[in-house]
Amino acid sequence: MNQLDIEQFLALTSPKEHFSAELKALYFDMKGDWQAAHDLVDQLPGKSAARVHAYLHRKEGDQWNADYWYRRAGESRPSISLEKEWGMLLERFWED
């Protein structure tokens, strides 16, 4: 993912239909709709959804819940800013 891709993602007025639930969640989080982002990954199985779910609870400030979801994702809470974590997740789940 290059800077142009990120800028195009940030400029979208709505997520594209073909985006994964994880990518849509990152989109809604970026637009300030935490609840819509959470609703997209809350009931999904798998490590990918758990990873975004963990980030969202970390952002919410619920560290205990975030750590639970990081463990479900098979990862530990990163020691980076929320902004850097969001960017890392965007790169991980980016689709053309």
N, C-alpha and C. Protein backbone atom coordinates (compact mmCIF):
# COMPACT_ATOMS: atom_id res chain seq x y z
N MET A 1 0.85 -1.17 0.00
CA MET A 1 0.00 0.00 0.00
C MET A 1 0.90 1.23 0.00
N ASN A 2 0.62 2.13 -0.89
CA ASN A 2 1.43 3.35 -0.95
C ASN A 2 0.62 4.54 -0.44
N GLN A 3 1.26 5.68 -0.36
CA GLN A 3 0.61 6.89 0.16
C GLN A 3 -0.63 7.26 -0.64
N LEU A 4 -0.59 7.07 -1.95
CA LEU A 4 -1.74 7.38 -2.79
C LEU A 4 -2.93 6.50 -2.42
N ASP A 5 -2.67 5.21 -2.18
CA ASP A 5 -3.74 4.31 -1.77
C ASP A 5 -4.38 4.76 -0.46
N ILE A 6 -3.55 5.14 0.49
CA ILE A 6 -4.05 5.60 1.79
C ILE A 6 -4.89 6.86 1.61
N GLU A 7 -4.40 7.79 0.80
CA GLU A 7 -5.15 9.02 0.55
C GLU A 7 -6.49 8.72 -0.11
N GLN A 8 -6.51 7.78 -1.05
CA GLN A 8 -7.76 7.40 -1.70
C GLN A 8 -8.73 6.77 -0.70
N PHE A 9 -8.20 5.93 0.19
CA PHE A 9 -9.04 5.31 1.22
C PHE A 9 -9.64 6.39 2.12
N LEU A 10 -8.81 7.33 2.56
CA LEU A 10 -9.27 8.38 3.44
C LEU A 10 -10.30 9.29 2.78
N ALA A 11 -10.24 9.40 1.46
CA ALA A 11 -11.15 10.28 0.73
C ALA A 11 -12.49 9.64 0.39
N LEU A 12 -12.64 8.34 0.60
CA LEU A 12 -13.90 7.67 0.28
C LEU A 12 -15.05 8.25 1.10
N THR A 13 -16.21 8.36 0.48
CA THR A 13 -17.39 8.84 1.21
C THR A 13 -18.18 7.68 1.81
N SER A 14 -17.87 6.47 1.38
CA SER A 14 -18.43 5.25 1.97
C SER A 14 -17.49 4.10 1.60
N PRO A 15 -17.53 3.02 2.38
CA PRO A 15 -16.64 1.90 2.05
C PRO A 15 -17.14 1.19 0.80
N LYS A 16 -16.23 0.63 0.05
CA LYS A 16 -16.62 -0.11 -1.15
C LYS A 16 -17.26 -1.44 -0.76
N GLU A 17 -18.22 -1.88 -1.56
CA GLU A 17 -18.94 -3.12 -1.28
C GLU A 17 -18.01 -4.31 -1.11
N HIS A 18 -16.96 -4.38 -1.92
CA HIS A 18 -16.10 -5.56 -1.90
C HIS A 18 -15.11 -5.56 -0.73
N PHE A 19 -15.06 -4.50 0.07
CA PHE A 19 -14.16 -4.47 1.22
C PHE A 19 -14.56 -5.55 2.22
N SER A 20 -13.57 -6.14 2.85
CA SER A 20 -13.82 -7.10 3.92
C SER A 20 -14.46 -6.37 5.10
N ALA A 21 -15.06 -7.13 6.00
CA ALA A 21 -15.65 -6.54 7.20
C ALA A 21 -14.58 -5.81 8.02
N GLU A 22 -13.37 -6.38 8.07
CA GLU A 22 -12.29 -5.75 8.81
C GLU A 22 -11.94 -4.38 8.22
N LEU A 23 -11.85 -4.32 6.91
CA LEU A 23 -11.51 -3.06 6.24
C LEU A 23 -12.65 -2.05 6.38
N LYS A 24 -13.88 -2.51 6.28
CA LYS A 24 -15.02 -1.62 6.50
C LYS A 24 -15.00 -1.07 7.93
N ALA A 25 -14.65 -1.93 8.89
CA ALA A 25 -14.58 -1.48 10.28
C ALA A 25 -13.53 -0.39 10.44
N LEU A 26 -12.39 -0.56 9.81
CA LEU A 26 -11.35 0.47 9.87
C LEU A 26 -11.82 1.76 9.22
N TYR A 27 -12.59 1.64 8.15
CA TYR A 27 -13.15 2.82 7.48
C TYR A 27 -14.07 3.58 8.45
N PHE A 28 -15.02 2.86 9.06
CA PHE A 28 -15.96 3.53 9.95
C PHE A 28 -15.27 4.11 11.18
N ASP A 29 -14.26 3.41 11.68
CA ASP A 29 -13.49 3.95 12.80
C ASP A 29 -12.82 5.25 12.40
N MET A 30 -12.22 5.27 11.21
CA MET A 30 -11.54 6.46 10.72
C MET A 30 -12.53 7.63 10.56
N LYS A 31 -13.77 7.32 10.23
CA LYS A 31 -14.79 8.36 10.05
C LYS A 31 -15.45 8.76 11.37
N GLY A 32 -15.01 8.16 12.48
CA GLY A 32 -15.52 8.54 13.78
C GLY A 32 -16.73 7.76 14.26
N ASP A 33 -17.09 6.68 13.56
CA ASP A 33 -18.24 5.88 13.96
C ASP A 33 -17.76 4.57 14.57
N TRP A 34 -17.31 4.65 15.84
CA TRP A 34 -16.78 3.48 16.54
C TRP A 34 -17.81 2.37 16.61
N GLN A 35 -19.07 2.72 16.88
CA GLN A 35 -20.11 1.70 17.04
C GLN A 35 -20.33 0.91 15.75
N ALA A 36 -20.38 1.59 14.61
CA ALA A 36 -20.54 0.89 13.34
C ALA A 36 -19.34 -0.03 13.09
N ALA A 37 -18.15 0.46 13.41
CA ALA A 37 -16.94 -0.35 13.24
C ALA A 37 -17.02 -1.60 14.13
N HIS A 38 -17.38 -1.40 15.37
CA HIS A 38 -17.48 -2.51 16.32
C HIS A 38 -18.54 -3.52 15.88
N ASP A 39 -19.69 -3.03 15.44
CA ASP A 39 -20.77 -3.92 15.01
C ASP A 39 -20.34 -4.83 13.87
N LEU A 40 -19.46 -4.36 13.01
CA LEU A 40 -19.01 -5.17 11.87
C LEU A 40 -18.16 -6.37 12.29
N VAL A 41 -17.39 -6.24 13.35
CA VAL A 41 -16.48 -7.33 13.73
C VAL A 41 -16.89 -8.04 15.01
N ASP A 42 -17.88 -7.54 15.70
CA ASP A 42 -18.25 -8.05 17.02
C ASP A 42 -18.58 -9.54 17.02
N GLN A 43 -19.31 -10.02 16.06
CA GLN A 43 -19.76 -11.42 16.06
C GLN A 43 -19.03 -12.29 15.05
N LEU A 44 -18.02 -11.74 14.39
CA LEU A 44 -17.30 -12.52 13.38
C LEU A 44 -16.29 -13.45 14.02
N PRO A 45 -16.18 -14.67 13.50
CA PRO A 45 -15.15 -15.57 13.98
C PRO A 45 -13.81 -15.26 13.31
N GLY A 46 -12.78 -15.81 13.83
CA GLY A 46 -11.47 -15.71 13.18
C GLY A 46 -10.57 -14.67 13.78
N LYS A 47 -9.29 -14.87 13.51
CA LYS A 47 -8.25 -14.00 14.08
C LYS A 47 -8.24 -12.61 13.49
N SER A 48 -8.62 -12.47 12.23
CA SER A 48 -8.61 -11.15 11.59
C SER A 48 -9.62 -10.22 12.25
N ALA A 49 -10.84 -10.72 12.43
CA ALA A 49 -11.87 -9.91 13.08
C ALA A 49 -11.49 -9.64 14.53
N ALA A 50 -10.92 -10.64 15.20
CA ALA A 50 -10.50 -10.45 16.59
C ALA A 50 -9.44 -9.37 16.69
N ARG A 51 -8.57 -9.29 15.70
CA ARG A 51 -7.49 -8.30 15.73
C ARG A 51 -8.04 -6.88 15.64
N VAL A 52 -8.99 -6.66 14.72
CA VAL A 52 -9.60 -5.33 14.60
C VAL A 52 -10.44 -5.04 15.84
N HIS A 53 -11.13 -6.04 16.34
CA HIS A 53 -11.93 -5.91 17.55
C HIS A 53 -11.04 -5.47 18.72
N ALA A 54 -9.86 -6.06 18.83
CA ALA A 54 -8.91 -5.69 19.88
C ALA A 54 -8.52 -4.22 19.77
N TYR A 55 -8.17 -3.80 18.57
CA TYR A 55 -7.80 -2.39 18.34
C TYR A 55 -8.94 -1.46 18.78
N LEU A 56 -10.17 -1.82 18.40
CA LEU A 56 -11.30 -0.95 18.72
C LEU A 56 -11.50 -0.82 20.23
N HIS A 57 -11.34 -1.91 20.97
CA HIS A 57 -11.49 -1.83 22.42
C HIS A 57 -10.31 -1.09 23.06
N ARG A 58 -9.14 -1.23 22.47
CA ARG A 58 -8.01 -0.43 22.96
C ARG A 58 -8.31 1.05 22.77
N LYS A 59 -8.83 1.40 21.62
CA LYS A 59 -9.16 2.80 21.34
C LYS A 59 -10.24 3.30 22.30
N GLU A 60 -11.18 2.43 22.61
CA GLU A 60 -12.27 2.78 23.52
C GLU A 60 -11.74 3.01 24.94
N GLY A 61 -10.58 2.43 25.25
CA GLY A 61 -10.02 2.57 26.58
C GLY A 61 -10.29 1.37 27.47
N ASP A 62 -10.89 0.33 26.93
CA ASP A 62 -11.21 -0.89 27.67
C ASP A 62 -10.06 -1.87 27.48
N GLN A 63 -8.98 -1.67 28.24
CA GLN A 63 -7.76 -2.46 28.04
C GLN A 63 -7.94 -3.94 28.34
N TRP A 64 -8.73 -4.26 29.37
CA TRP A 64 -8.95 -5.67 29.69
C TRP A 64 -9.61 -6.38 28.52
N ASN A 65 -10.66 -5.78 27.98
CA ASN A 65 -11.37 -6.36 26.84
C ASN A 65 -10.46 -6.40 25.61
N ALA A 66 -9.71 -5.34 25.40
CA ALA A 66 -8.78 -5.30 24.26
C ALA A 66 -7.78 -6.45 24.37
N ASP A 67 -7.21 -6.65 25.55
CA ASP A 67 -6.23 -7.72 25.72
C ASP A 67 -6.83 -9.09 25.47
N TYR A 68 -8.09 -9.27 25.85
CA TYR A 68 -8.79 -10.53 25.55
C TYR A 68 -8.83 -10.76 24.04
N TRP A 69 -9.18 -9.73 23.28
CA TRP A 69 -9.29 -9.87 21.82
C TRP A 69 -7.93 -9.99 21.15
N TYR A 70 -6.92 -9.34 21.71
CA TYR A 70 -5.56 -9.54 21.18
C TYR A 70 -5.17 -11.01 21.34
N ARG A 71 -5.46 -11.59 22.50
CA ARG A 71 -5.15 -13.02 22.70
C ARG A 71 -5.92 -13.89 21.72
N ARG A 72 -7.19 -13.57 21.49
CA ARG A 72 -8.00 -14.33 20.51
C ARG A 72 -7.40 -14.23 19.12
N ALA A 73 -6.76 -13.11 18.83
CA ALA A 73 -6.12 -12.90 17.53
C ALA A 73 -4.74 -13.55 17.47
N GLY A 74 -4.25 -14.05 18.59
CA GLY A 74 -2.92 -14.65 18.64
C GLY A 74 -1.80 -13.63 18.67
N GLU A 75 -2.11 -12.44 19.16
CA GLU A 75 -1.12 -11.36 19.22
C GLU A 75 -1.16 -10.72 20.60
N SER A 76 -0.23 -9.83 20.85
CA SER A 76 -0.25 -9.06 22.09
C SER A 76 -0.47 -7.59 21.76
N ARG A 77 -0.90 -6.85 22.76
CA ARG A 77 -1.16 -5.43 22.54
C ARG A 77 0.12 -4.73 22.11
N PRO A 78 0.09 -4.02 21.01
CA PRO A 78 1.31 -3.34 20.55
C PRO A 78 1.61 -2.12 21.40
N SER A 79 2.87 -1.75 21.45
CA SER A 79 3.27 -0.56 22.21
C SER A 79 3.53 0.59 21.25
N ILE A 80 2.56 0.82 20.37
CA ILE A 80 2.61 1.92 19.41
C ILE A 80 1.35 2.76 19.59
N SER A 81 1.33 3.92 18.98
CA SER A 81 0.15 4.77 19.07
C SER A 81 -1.04 4.11 18.37
N LEU A 82 -2.22 4.56 18.75
CA LEU A 82 -3.42 4.08 18.07
C LEU A 82 -3.39 4.41 16.59
N GLU A 83 -2.86 5.57 16.24
CA GLU A 83 -2.78 5.97 14.83
C GLU A 83 -1.88 5.02 14.05
N LYS A 84 -0.75 4.66 14.64
CA LYS A 84 0.15 3.72 13.96
C LYS A 84 -0.46 2.34 13.87
N GLU A 85 -1.17 1.93 14.91
CA GLU A 85 -1.83 0.62 14.86
C GLU A 85 -2.89 0.61 13.78
N TRP A 86 -3.68 1.68 13.69
CA TRP A 86 -4.70 1.77 12.64
C TRP A 86 -4.05 1.65 11.27
N GLY A 87 -2.96 2.37 11.04
CA GLY A 87 -2.26 2.32 9.75
C GLY A 87 -1.71 0.93 9.46
N MET A 88 -1.19 0.27 10.47
CA MET A 88 -0.68 -1.09 10.31
C MET A 88 -1.81 -2.04 9.92
N LEU A 89 -2.96 -1.88 10.57
CA LEU A 89 -4.10 -2.73 10.24
C LEU A 89 -4.63 -2.43 8.84
N LEU A 90 -4.64 -1.17 8.47
CA LEU A 90 -5.07 -0.80 7.12
C LEU A 90 -4.20 -1.49 6.08
N GLU A 91 -2.90 -1.46 6.29
CA GLU A 91 -1.99 -2.13 5.35
C GLU A 91 -2.24 -3.63 5.33
N ARG A 92 -2.53 -4.21 6.49
CA ARG A 92 -2.75 -5.66 6.56
C ARG A 92 -4.00 -6.08 5.80
N PHE A 93 -5.07 -5.28 5.88
CA PHE A 93 -6.35 -5.68 5.31
C PHE A 93 -6.69 -4.98 4.00
N TRP A 94 -5.77 -4.17 3.50
CA TRP A 94 -6.02 -3.42 2.26
C TRP A 94 -6.34 -4.34 1.09
N GLU A 95 -7.35 -3.96 0.34
CA GLU A 95 -7.73 -4.64 -0.91
C GLU A 95 -7.81 -3.58 -1.99
N ASP A 96 -7.45 -3.92 -3.18
CA ASP A 96 -7.58 -2.97 -4.29
C ASP A 96 -9.03 -2.86 -4.74
